[in-house]
Amino acid sequence: MNNKVHVKTGDTVVVINGKNRGKQGKVMQVSPKERKVIVEGVNMVTKHVKPRQMGEPGGLIKAEAALYADKVQLICPKCGKATRVGHEGTGKDKKRVCKKCGAQFE
């Protein structure tokens, strides 16, 4: 099974479907095995947290939940549009490029 994901930690992405459609954010974490990503400020859920130490508050906190990597598209740093990712070069010299304008991702 191929566990490659088209996004990396630190990339700016936009959600393309679901309840968070159109929201943008930075990728905080990538899980290639599950094919999921956690995006900053997207797919917020409420968690019930129990106090673990004396004096630590418990209660409800908001946190980002994982969503499938297929639901996000990279935003090109040059043209600023959501785009698919192409690859140029081989081996160690392989670079990700924007399919719309041809700009390279870092």
PDB file of N, CA and C in Angstrom:
ATOM      1  N   MET A   1       0.838  -1.187   0.000  1.00  0.00           N
ATOM      2  CA  MET A   1       0.000   0.000   0.000  1.00  0.00           C
ATOM      3  C   MET A   1       0.879   1.246   0.000  1.00  0.00           C
ATOM      4  N   ASN A   2       0.528   2.196  -0.830  1.00  0.00           N
ATOM      5  CA  ASN A   2       1.285   3.427  -0.958  1.00  0.00           C
ATOM      6  C   ASN A   2       0.827   4.427   0.101  1.00  0.00           C
ATOM      7  N   ASN A   3       1.737   4.833   0.983  1.00  0.00           N
ATOM      8  CA  ASN A   3       1.388   5.748   2.069  1.00  0.00           C
ATOM      9  C   ASN A   3       1.919   7.150   1.841  1.00  0.00           C
ATOM     10  N   LYS A   4       2.101   7.560   0.594  1.00  0.00           N
ATOM     11  CA  LYS A   4       2.605   8.904   0.315  1.00  0.00           C
ATOM     12  C   LYS A   4       1.470   9.913   0.395  1.00  0.00           C
ATOM     13  N   VAL A   5       1.799  11.096   0.925  1.00  0.00           N
ATOM     14  CA  VAL A   5       0.834  12.178   1.042  1.00  0.00           C
ATOM     15  C   VAL A   5       1.411  13.379   0.303  1.00  0.00           C
ATOM     16  N   HIS A   6       0.564  14.138  -0.396  1.00  0.00           N
ATOM     17  CA  HIS A   6       1.026  15.247  -1.236  1.00  0.00           C
ATOM     18  C   HIS A   6       1.351  16.513  -0.456  1.00  0.00           C
ATOM     19  N   VAL A   7       1.094  16.541   0.843  1.00  0.00           N
ATOM     20  CA  VAL A   7       1.398  17.721   1.656  1.00  0.00           C
ATOM     21  C   VAL A   7       2.446  17.395   2.706  1.00  0.00           C
ATOM     22  N   LYS A   8       3.146  18.435   3.157  1.00  0.00           N
ATOM     23  CA  LYS A   8       4.159  18.292   4.197  1.00  0.00           C
ATOM     24  C   LYS A   8       3.824  19.244   5.335  1.00  0.00           C
ATOM     25  N   THR A   9       4.434  19.020   6.485  1.00  0.00           N
ATOM     26  CA  THR A   9       4.249  19.903   7.626  1.00  0.00           C
ATOM     27  C   THR A   9       4.745  21.308   7.274  1.00  0.00           C
ATOM     28  N   GLY A  10       3.926  22.311   7.569  1.00  0.00           N
ATOM     29  CA  GLY A  10       4.290  23.691   7.272  1.00  0.00           C
ATOM     30  C   GLY A  10       3.675  24.232   5.994  1.00  0.00           C
ATOM     31  N   ASP A  11       3.110  23.373   5.151  1.00  0.00           N
ATOM     32  CA  ASP A  11       2.461  23.827   3.915  1.00  0.00           C
ATOM     33  C   ASP A  11       1.168  24.574   4.237  1.00  0.00           C
ATOM     34  N   THR A  12       0.819  25.542   3.400  1.00  0.00           N
ATOM     35  CA  THR A  12      -0.463  26.221   3.514  1.00  0.00           C
ATOM     36  C   THR A  12      -1.439  25.531   2.584  1.00  0.00           C
ATOM     37  N   VAL A  13      -2.593  25.129   3.133  1.00  0.00           N
ATOM     38  CA  VAL A  13      -3.572  24.366   2.361  1.00  0.00           C
ATOM     39  C   VAL A  13      -4.955  24.969   2.503  1.00  0.00           C
ATOM     40  N   VAL A  14      -5.868  24.549   1.613  1.00  0.00           N
ATOM     41  CA  VAL A  14      -7.269  24.933   1.675  1.00  0.00           C
ATOM     42  C   VAL A  14      -8.091  23.644   1.643  1.00  0.00           C
ATOM     43  N   VAL A  15      -9.183  23.618   2.427  1.00  0.00           N
ATOM     44  CA  VAL A  15     -10.074  22.456   2.455  1.00  0.00           C
ATOM     45  C   VAL A  15     -11.008  22.554   1.269  1.00  0.00           C
ATOM     46  N   ILE A  16     -11.156  21.450   0.506  1.00  0.00           N
ATOM     47  CA  ILE A  16     -11.932  21.509  -0.733  1.00  0.00           C
ATOM     48  C   ILE A  16     -13.327  20.913  -0.625  1.00  0.00           C
ATOM     49  N   ASN A  17     -13.641  20.181   0.463  1.00  0.00           N
ATOM     50  CA  ASN A  17     -15.021  19.716   0.644  1.00  0.00           C
ATOM     51  C   ASN A  17     -15.300  19.441   2.107  1.00  0.00           C
ATOM     52  N   GLY A  18     -16.575  19.271   2.431  1.00  0.00           N
ATOM     53  CA  GLY A  18     -16.976  19.015   3.808  1.00  0.00           C
ATOM     54  C   GLY A  18     -17.432  20.284   4.500  1.00  0.00           C
ATOM     55  N   LYS A  19     -17.664  20.186   5.809  1.00  0.00           N
ATOM     56  CA  LYS A  19     -18.201  21.326   6.558  1.00  0.00           C
ATOM     57  C   LYS A  19     -17.213  22.479   6.684  1.00  0.00           C
ATOM     58  N   ASN A  20     -15.922  22.209   6.482  1.00  0.00           N
ATOM     59  CA  ASN A  20     -14.892  23.247   6.589  1.00  0.00           C
ATOM     60  C   ASN A  20     -14.420  23.744   5.223  1.00  0.00           C
ATOM     61  N   ARG A  21     -15.209  23.525   4.197  1.00  0.00           N
ATOM     62  CA  ARG A  21     -14.836  23.897   2.829  1.00  0.00           C
ATOM     63  C   ARG A  21     -14.483  25.372   2.724  1.00  0.00           C
ATOM     64  N   GLY A  22     -13.337  25.651   2.087  1.00  0.00           N
ATOM     65  CA  GLY A  22     -12.898  27.018   1.870  1.00  0.00           C
ATOM     66  C   GLY A  22     -11.969  27.553   2.946  1.00  0.00           C
ATOM     67  N   LYS A  23     -11.876  26.886   4.080  1.00  0.00           N
ATOM     68  CA  LYS A  23     -10.996  27.357   5.149  1.00  0.00           C
ATOM     69  C   LYS A  23      -9.541  27.061   4.807  1.00  0.00           C
ATOM     70  N   GLN A  24      -8.674  28.009   5.157  1.00  0.00           N
ATOM     71  CA  GLN A  24      -7.249  27.854   4.906  1.00  0.00           C
ATOM     72  C   GLN A  24      -6.511  27.745   6.225  1.00  0.00           C
ATOM     73  N   GLY A  25      -5.362  27.082   6.169  1.00  0.00           N
ATOM     74  CA  GLY A  25      -4.541  26.969   7.362  1.00  0.00           C
ATOM     75  C   GLY A  25      -3.221  26.298   7.051  1.00  0.00           C
ATOM     76  N   LYS A  26      -2.363  26.263   8.055  1.00  0.00           N
ATOM     77  CA  LYS A  26      -1.042  25.655   7.924  1.00  0.00           C
ATOM     78  C   LYS A  26      -1.100  24.224   8.453  1.00  0.00           C
ATOM     79  N   VAL A  27      -0.456  23.302   7.749  1.00  0.00           N
ATOM     80  CA  VAL A  27      -0.429  21.904   8.170  1.00  0.00           C
ATOM     81  C   VAL A  27       0.473  21.788   9.398  1.00  0.00           C
ATOM     82  N   MET A  28      -0.085  21.299  10.505  1.00  0.00           N
ATOM     83  CA  MET A  28       0.671  21.149  11.741  1.00  0.00           C
ATOM     84  C   MET A  28       1.268  19.758  11.861  1.00  0.00           C
ATOM     85  N   GLN A  29       0.556  18.754  11.356  1.00  0.00           N
ATOM     86  CA  GLN A  29       1.007  17.371  11.510  1.00  0.00           C
ATOM     87  C   GLN A  29       0.491  16.539  10.343  1.00  0.00           C
ATOM     88  N   VAL A  30       1.304  15.583   9.887  1.00  0.00           N
ATOM     89  CA  VAL A  30       0.929  14.687   8.796  1.00  0.00           C
ATOM     90  C   VAL A  30       1.090  13.252   9.273  1.00  0.00           C
ATOM     91  N   SER A  31       0.084  12.428   8.986  1.00  0.00           N
ATOM     92  CA  SER A  31       0.139  11.005   9.323  1.00  0.00           C
ATOM     93  C   SER A  31      -0.028  10.201   8.042  1.00  0.00           C
ATOM     94  N   PRO A  32       1.098   9.850   7.369  1.00  0.00           N
ATOM     95  CA  PRO A  32       0.998   9.139   6.091  1.00  0.00           C
ATOM     96  C   PRO A  32       0.354   7.764   6.219  1.00  0.00           C
ATOM     97  N   LYS A  33       0.557   7.091   7.334  1.00  0.00           N
ATOM     98  CA  LYS A  33      -0.002   5.757   7.521  1.00  0.00           C
ATOM     99  C   LYS A  33      -1.531   5.787   7.497  1.00  0.00           C
ATOM    100  N   GLU A  34      -2.113   6.809   8.124  1.00  0.00           N
ATOM    101  CA  GLU A  34      -3.570   6.966   8.143  1.00  0.00           C
ATOM    102  C   GLU A  34      -4.068   7.828   6.993  1.00  0.00           C
ATOM    103  N   ARG A  35      -3.144   8.458   6.249  1.00  0.00           N
ATOM    104  CA  ARG A  35      -3.452   9.393   5.159  1.00  0.00           C
ATOM    105  C   ARG A  35      -4.273  10.582   5.681  1.00  0.00           C
ATOM    106  N   LYS A  36      -3.890  11.094   6.869  1.00  0.00           N
ATOM    107  CA  LYS A  36      -4.597  12.213   7.475  1.00  0.00           C
ATOM    108  C   LYS A  36      -3.640  13.350   7.787  1.00  0.00           C
ATOM    109  N   VAL A  37      -4.206  14.561   7.905  1.00  0.00           N
ATOM    110  CA  VAL A  37      -3.438  15.746   8.273  1.00  0.00           C
ATOM    111  C   VAL A  37      -4.203  16.522   9.337  1.00  0.00           C
ATOM    112  N   ILE A  38      -3.464  17.299  10.133  1.00  0.00           N
ATOM    113  CA  ILE A  38      -4.078  18.221  11.086  1.00  0.00           C
ATOM    114  C   ILE A  38      -3.724  19.623  10.621  1.00  0.00           C
ATOM    115  N   VAL A  39      -4.758  20.431  10.361  1.00  0.00           N
ATOM    116  CA  VAL A  39      -4.581  21.777   9.836  1.00  0.00           C
ATOM    117  C   VAL A  39      -4.978  22.784  10.916  1.00  0.00           C
ATOM    118  N   GLU A  40      -4.127  23.794  11.092  1.00  0.00           N
ATOM    119  CA  GLU A  40      -4.322  24.815  12.126  1.00  0.00           C
ATOM    120  C   GLU A  40      -5.628  25.585  11.903  1.00  0.00           C
ATOM    121  N   GLY A  41      -6.519  25.568  12.904  1.00  0.00           N
ATOM    122  CA  GLY A  41      -7.767  26.328  12.848  1.00  0.00           C
ATOM    123  C   GLY A  41      -8.874  25.698  12.034  1.00  0.00           C
ATOM    124  N   VAL A  42      -8.686  24.454  11.578  1.00  0.00           N
ATOM    125  CA  VAL A  42      -9.681  23.776  10.749  1.00  0.00           C
ATOM    126  C   VAL A  42     -10.125  22.498  11.447  1.00  0.00           C
ATOM    127  N   ASN A  43     -11.416  22.153  11.304  1.00  0.00           N
ATOM    128  CA  ASN A  43     -11.991  20.928  11.875  1.00  0.00           C
ATOM    129  C   ASN A  43     -11.868  20.930  13.402  1.00  0.00           C
ATOM    130  N   MET A  44     -12.320  22.021  14.008  1.00  0.00           N
ATOM    131  CA  MET A  44     -12.249  22.180  15.462  1.00  0.00           C
ATOM    132  C   MET A  44     -13.293  21.296  16.149  1.00  0.00           C
ATOM    133  N   VAL A  45     -12.865  20.605  17.205  1.00  0.00           N
ATOM    134  CA  VAL A  45     -13.756  19.770  17.995  1.00  0.00           C
ATOM    135  C   VAL A  45     -13.612  20.170  19.466  1.00  0.00           C
ATOM    136  N   THR A  46     -14.617  19.834  20.264  1.00  0.00           N
ATOM    137  CA  THR A  46     -14.590  20.107  21.688  1.00  0.00           C
ATOM    138  C   THR A  46     -14.204  18.837  22.420  1.00  0.00           C
ATOM    139  N   LYS A  47     -13.191  18.928  23.278  1.00  0.00           N
ATOM    140  CA  LYS A  47     -12.733  17.783  24.057  1.00  0.00           C
ATOM    141  C   LYS A  47     -13.016  18.029  25.532  1.00  0.00           C
ATOM    142  N   HIS A  48     -13.405  16.965  26.232  1.00  0.00           N
ATOM    143  CA  HIS A  48     -13.578  17.026  27.675  1.00  0.00           C
ATOM    144  C   HIS A  48     -12.252  16.614  28.300  1.00  0.00           C
ATOM    145  N   VAL A  49     -11.646  17.507  29.081  1.00  0.00           N
ATOM    146  CA  VAL A  49     -10.333  17.242  29.667  1.00  0.00           C
ATOM    147  C   VAL A  49     -10.469  17.155  31.185  1.00  0.00           C
ATOM    148  N   LYS A  50      -9.915  16.094  31.735  1.00  0.00           N
ATOM    149  CA  LYS A  50      -9.928  15.875  33.179  1.00  0.00           C
ATOM    150  C   LYS A  50      -8.650  16.457  33.766  1.00  0.00           C
ATOM    151  N   PRO A  51      -8.729  17.137  34.915  1.00  0.00           N
ATOM    152  CA  PRO A  51      -7.499  17.663  35.509  1.00  0.00           C
ATOM    153  C   PRO A  51      -6.579  16.514  35.936  1.00  0.00           C
ATOM    154  N   ARG A  52      -5.321  16.588  35.566  1.00  0.00           N
ATOM    155  CA  ARG A  52      -4.360  15.516  35.846  1.00  0.00           C
ATOM    156  C   ARG A  52      -3.545  15.782  37.115  1.00  0.00           C
ATOM    157  N   GLN A  53      -3.236  17.040  37.405  1.00  0.00           N
ATOM    158  CA  GLN A  53      -2.440  17.374  38.586  1.00  0.00           C
ATOM    159  C   GLN A  53      -3.235  18.324  39.481  1.00  0.00           C
ATOM    160  N   MET A  54      -2.778  18.433  40.689  1.00  0.00           N
ATOM    161  CA  MET A  54      -3.425  19.331  41.642  1.00  0.00           C
ATOM    162  C   MET A  54      -3.320  20.767  41.130  1.00  0.00           C
ATOM    163  N   GLY A  55      -4.432  21.481  41.074  1.00  0.00           N
ATOM    164  CA  GLY A  55      -4.430  22.865  40.644  1.00  0.00           C
ATOM    165  C   GLY A  55      -4.584  23.052  39.143  1.00  0.00           C
ATOM    166  N   GLU A  56      -4.500  21.984  38.371  1.00  0.00           N
ATOM    167  CA  GLU A  56      -4.663  22.082  36.913  1.00  0.00           C
ATOM    168  C   GLU A  56      -6.150  22.100  36.585  1.00  0.00           C
ATOM    169  N   PRO A  57      -6.589  23.051  35.745  1.00  0.00           N
ATOM    170  CA  PRO A  57      -8.016  23.122  35.446  1.00  0.00           C
ATOM    171  C   PRO A  57      -8.442  22.034  34.458  1.00  0.00           C
ATOM    172  N   GLY A  58      -9.667  21.579  34.613  1.00  0.00           N
ATOM    173  CA  GLY A  58     -10.255  20.646  33.660  1.00  0.00           C
ATOM    174  C   GLY A  58     -11.318  21.388  32.873  1.00  0.00           C
ATOM    175  N   GLY A  59     -12.125  20.676  32.144  1.00  0.00           N
ATOM    176  CA  GLY A  59     -13.227  21.307  31.427  1.00  0.00           C
ATOM    177  C   GLY A  59     -13.180  21.020  29.945  1.00  0.00           C
ATOM    178  N   LEU A  60     -13.792  21.908  29.193  1.00  0.00           N
ATOM    179  CA  LEU A  60     -13.881  21.754  27.750  1.00  0.00           C
ATOM    180  C   LEU A  60     -12.804  22.585  27.073  1.00  0.00           C
ATOM    181  N   ILE A  61     -12.102  21.962  26.111  1.00  0.00           N
ATOM    182  CA  ILE A  61     -11.130  22.709  25.308  1.00  0.00           C
ATOM    183  C   ILE A  61     -11.419  22.458  23.836  1.00  0.00           C
ATOM    184  N   LYS A  62     -11.068  23.430  23.025  1.00  0.00           N
ATOM    185  CA  LYS A  62     -11.214  23.271  21.571  1.00  0.00           C
ATOM    186  C   LYS A  62      -9.872  22.851  20.997  1.00  0.00           C
ATOM    187  N   ALA A  63      -9.902  21.856  20.101  1.00  0.00           N
ATOM    188  CA  ALA A  63      -8.679  21.355  19.485  1.00  0.00           C
ATOM    189  C   ALA A  63      -8.965  20.970  18.043  1.00  0.00           C
ATOM    190  N   GLU A  64      -7.895  20.938  17.228  1.00  0.00           N
ATOM    191  CA  GLU A  64      -8.035  20.539  15.836  1.00  0.00           C
ATOM    192  C   GLU A  64      -8.069  19.021  15.741  1.00  0.00           C
ATOM    193  N   ALA A  65      -8.971  18.500  14.928  1.00  0.00           N
ATOM    194  CA  ALA A  65      -9.031  17.062  14.681  1.00  0.00           C
ATOM    195  C   ALA A  65      -8.448  16.777  13.305  1.00  0.00           C
ATOM    196  N   ALA A  66      -8.035  15.545  13.095  1.00  0.00           N
ATOM    197  CA  ALA A  66      -7.444  15.150  11.815  1.00  0.00           C
ATOM    198  C   ALA A  66      -8.520  15.057  10.741  1.00  0.00           C
ATOM    199  N   LEU A  67      -8.122  15.348   9.503  1.00  0.00           N
ATOM    200  CA  LEU A  67      -8.998  15.127   8.374  1.00  0.00           C
ATOM    201  C   LEU A  67      -8.184  14.476   7.262  1.00  0.00           C
ATOM    202  N   TYR A  68      -8.867  13.822   6.347  1.00  0.00           N
ATOM    203  CA  TYR A  68      -8.178  13.101   5.290  1.00  0.00           C
ATOM    204  C   TYR A  68      -7.398  14.058   4.393  1.00  0.00           C
ATOM    205  N   ALA A  69      -6.191  13.646   4.009  1.00  0.00           N
ATOM    206  CA  ALA A  69      -5.320  14.472   3.173  1.00  0.00           C
ATOM    207  C   ALA A  69      -5.937  14.721   1.801  1.00  0.00           C
ATOM    208  N   ASP A  70      -6.825  13.832   1.354  1.00  0.00           N
ATOM    209  CA  ASP A  70      -7.478  14.006   0.056  1.00  0.00           C
ATOM    210  C   ASP A  70      -8.426  15.205   0.048  1.00  0.00           C
ATOM    211  N   LYS A  71      -8.813  15.693   1.217  1.00  0.00           N
ATOM    212  CA  LYS A  71      -9.742  16.819   1.315  1.00  0.00           C
ATOM    213  C   LYS A  71      -9.051  18.168   1.285  1.00  0.00           C
ATOM    214  N   VAL A  72      -7.706  18.189   1.195  1.00  0.00           N
ATOM    215  CA  VAL A  72      -6.994  19.460   1.171  1.00  0.00           C
ATOM    216  C   VAL A  72      -6.168  19.598  -0.102  1.00  0.00           C
ATOM    217  N   GLN A  73      -6.003  20.846  -0.539  1.00  0.00           N
ATOM    218  CA  GLN A  73      -5.161  21.166  -1.689  1.00  0.00           C
ATOM    219  C   GLN A  73      -4.165  22.232  -1.281  1.00  0.00           C
ATOM    220  N   LEU A  74      -2.959  22.107  -1.802  1.00  0.00           N
ATOM    221  CA  LEU A  74      -1.913  23.089  -1.525  1.00  0.00           C
ATOM    222  C   LEU A  74      -2.242  24.428  -2.158  1.00  0.00           C
ATOM    223  N   ILE A  75      -1.802  25.491  -1.498  1.00  0.00           N
ATOM    224  CA  ILE A  75      -1.934  26.836  -2.059  1.00  0.00           C
ATOM    225  C   ILE A  75      -0.565  27.237  -2.569  1.00  0.00           C
ATOM    226  N   CYS A  76      -0.502  27.618  -3.834  1.00  0.00           N
ATOM    227  CA  CYS A  76       0.756  28.009  -4.473  1.00  0.00           C
ATOM    228  C   CYS A  76       1.252  29.328  -3.880  1.00  0.00           C
ATOM    229  N   PRO A  77       2.528  29.401  -3.504  1.00  0.00           N
ATOM    230  CA  PRO A  77       3.051  30.644  -2.936  1.00  0.00           C
ATOM    231  C   PRO A  77       3.159  31.769  -3.965  1.00  0.00           C
ATOM    232  N   LYS A  78       3.238  31.435  -5.244  1.00  0.00           N
ATOM    233  CA  LYS A  78       3.399  32.452  -6.289  1.00  0.00           C
ATOM    234  C   LYS A  78       2.047  32.986  -6.767  1.00  0.00           C
ATOM    235  N   CYS A  79       1.152  32.084  -7.218  1.00  0.00           N
ATOM    236  CA  CYS A  79      -0.122  32.543  -7.778  1.00  0.00           C
ATOM    237  C   CYS A  79      -1.237  32.617  -6.727  1.00  0.00           C
ATOM    238  N   GLY A  80      -1.047  31.999  -5.554  1.00  0.00           N
ATOM    239  CA  GLY A  80      -2.008  32.092  -4.470  1.00  0.00           C
ATOM    240  C   GLY A  80      -3.277  31.294  -4.666  1.00  0.00           C
ATOM    241  N   LYS A  81      -3.278  30.355  -5.612  1.00  0.00           N
ATOM    242  CA  LYS A  81      -4.463  29.549  -5.883  1.00  0.00           C
ATOM    243  C   LYS A  81      -4.272  28.128  -5.379  1.00  0.00           C
ATOM    244  N   ALA A  82      -5.389  27.454  -5.110  1.00  0.00           N
ATOM    245  CA  ALA A  82      -5.335  26.036  -4.739  1.00  0.00           C
ATOM    246  C   ALA A  82      -4.940  25.258  -5.989  1.00  0.00           C
ATOM    247  N   THR A  83      -3.982  24.352  -5.843  1.00  0.00           N
ATOM    248  CA  THR A  83      -3.453  23.670  -7.009  1.00  0.00           C
ATOM    249  C   THR A  83      -3.079  22.234  -6.704  1.00  0.00           C
ATOM    250  N   ARG A  84      -3.007  21.437  -7.757  1.00  0.00           N
ATOM    251  CA  ARG A  84      -2.468  20.092  -7.631  1.00  0.00           C
ATOM    252  C   ARG A  84      -0.948  20.196  -7.652  1.00  0.00           C
ATOM    253  N   VAL A  85      -0.282  19.128  -7.227  1.00  0.00           N
ATOM    254  CA  VAL A  85       1.168  19.142  -7.129  1.00  0.00           C
ATOM    255  C   VAL A  85       1.766  18.248  -8.203  1.00  0.00           C
ATOM    256  N   GLY A  86       2.740  18.789  -8.936  1.00  0.00           N
ATOM    257  CA  GLY A  86       3.503  17.999  -9.894  1.00  0.00           C
ATOM    258  C   GLY A  86       4.909  17.803  -9.363  1.00  0.00           C
ATOM    259  N   HIS A  87       5.658  16.932 -10.002  1.00  0.00           N
ATOM    260  CA  HIS A  87       7.032  16.660  -9.573  1.00  0.00           C
ATOM    261  C   HIS A  87       7.969  16.809 -10.764  1.00  0.00           C
ATOM    262  N   GLU A  88       9.111  17.452 -10.528  1.00  0.00           N
ATOM    263  CA  GLU A  88      10.153  17.596 -11.547  1.00  0.00           C
ATOM    264  C   GLU A  88      11.445  17.037 -10.994  1.00  0.00           C
ATOM    265  N   GLY A  89      12.222  16.399 -11.840  1.00  0.00           N
ATOM    266  CA  GLY A  89      13.499  15.837 -11.422  1.00  0.00           C
ATOM    267  C   GLY A  89      13.342  14.404 -10.942  1.00  0.00           C
ATOM    268  N   THR A  90      14.496  13.802 -10.606  1.00  0.00           N
ATOM    269  CA  THR A  90      14.478  12.423 -10.138  1.00  0.00           C
ATOM    270  C   THR A  90      15.356  12.280  -8.896  1.00  0.00           C
ATOM    271  N   GLY A  91      15.091  11.247  -8.117  1.00  0.00           N
ATOM    272  CA  GLY A  91      15.906  10.948  -6.945  1.00  0.00           C
ATOM    273  C   GLY A  91      15.920  12.068  -5.924  1.00  0.00           C
ATOM    274  N   LYS A  92      17.130  12.468  -5.501  1.00  0.00           N
ATOM    275  CA  LYS A  92      17.288  13.525  -4.488  1.00  0.00           C
ATOM    276  C   LYS A  92      16.917  14.904  -5.030  1.00  0.00           C
ATOM    277  N   ASP A  93      16.945  15.077  -6.362  1.00  0.00           N
ATOM    278  CA  ASP A  93      16.662  16.375  -6.979  1.00  0.00           C
ATOM    279  C   ASP A  93      15.175  16.585  -7.267  1.00  0.00           C
ATOM    280  N   LYS A  94      14.302  15.688  -6.807  1.00  0.00           N
ATOM    281  CA  LYS A  94      12.873  15.793  -7.087  1.00  0.00           C
ATOM    282  C   LYS A  94      12.280  16.978  -6.337  1.00  0.00           C
ATOM    283  N   LYS A  95      11.582  17.852  -7.051  1.00  0.00           N
ATOM    284  CA  LYS A  95      10.964  19.052  -6.483  1.00  0.00           C
ATOM    285  C   LYS A  95       9.468  19.033  -6.755  1.00  0.00           C
ATOM    286  N   ARG A  96       8.699  19.616  -5.827  1.00  0.00           N
ATOM    287  CA  ARG A  96       7.259  19.765  -6.029  1.00  0.00           C
ATOM    288  C   ARG A  96       7.011  21.075  -6.770  1.00  0.00           C
ATOM    289  N   VAL A  97       6.118  21.040  -7.760  1.00  0.00           N
ATOM    290  CA  VAL A  97       5.809  22.238  -8.546  1.00  0.00           C
ATOM    291  C   VAL A  97       4.302  22.426  -8.655  1.00  0.00           C
ATOM    292  N   CYS A  98       3.898  23.686  -8.845  1.00  0.00           N
ATOM    293  CA  CYS A  98       2.505  24.062  -9.039  1.00  0.00           C
ATOM    294  C   CYS A  98       2.077  23.651 -10.442  1.00  0.00           C
ATOM    295  N   LYS A  99       0.937  23.000 -10.565  1.00  0.00           N
ATOM    296  CA  LYS A  99       0.451  22.579 -11.875  1.00  0.00           C
ATOM    297  C   LYS A  99      -0.115  23.744 -12.683  1.00  0.00           C
ATOM    298  N   LYS A 100      -0.460  24.857 -12.008  1.00  0.00           N
ATOM    299  CA  LYS A 100      -1.050  25.993 -12.709  1.00  0.00           C
ATOM    300  C   LYS A 100      -0.016  26.964 -13.259  1.00  0.00           C
ATOM    301  N   CYS A 101       0.999  27.303 -12.422  1.00  0.00           N
ATOM    302  CA  CYS A 101       1.966  28.320 -12.868  1.00  0.00           C
ATOM    303  C   CYS A 101       3.392  27.785 -12.976  1.00  0.00           C
ATOM    304  N   GLY A 102       3.661  26.601 -12.444  1.00  0.00           N
ATOM    305  CA  GLY A 102       4.997  26.009 -12.552  1.00  0.00           C
ATOM    306  C   GLY A 102       5.973  26.426 -11.473  1.00  0.00           C
ATOM    307  N   ALA A 103       5.507  27.191 -10.484  1.00  0.00           N
ATOM    308  CA  ALA A 103       6.394  27.630  -9.388  1.00  0.00           C
ATOM    309  C   ALA A 103       6.750  26.450  -8.496  1.00  0.00           C
ATOM    310  N   GLN A 104       7.964  26.490  -7.934  1.00  0.00           N
ATOM    311  CA  GLN A 104       8.400  25.406  -7.050  1.00  0.00           C
ATOM    312  C   GLN A 104       7.993  25.674  -5.615  1.00  0.00           C
ATOM    313  N   PHE A 105       7.593  24.610  -4.912  1.00  0.00           N
ATOM    314  CA  PHE A 105       7.341  24.681  -3.479  1.00  0.00           C
ATOM    315  C   PHE A 105       8.658  24.446  -2.779  1.00  0.00           C
ATOM    316  N   GLU A 106       8.870  25.068  -1.615  1.00  0.00           N
ATOM    317  CA  GLU A 106      10.129  24.923  -0.887  1.00  0.00           C
ATOM    318  C   GLU A 106      10.289  23.547  -0.312  1.00  0.00           C
TER     319      GLU A 106
END
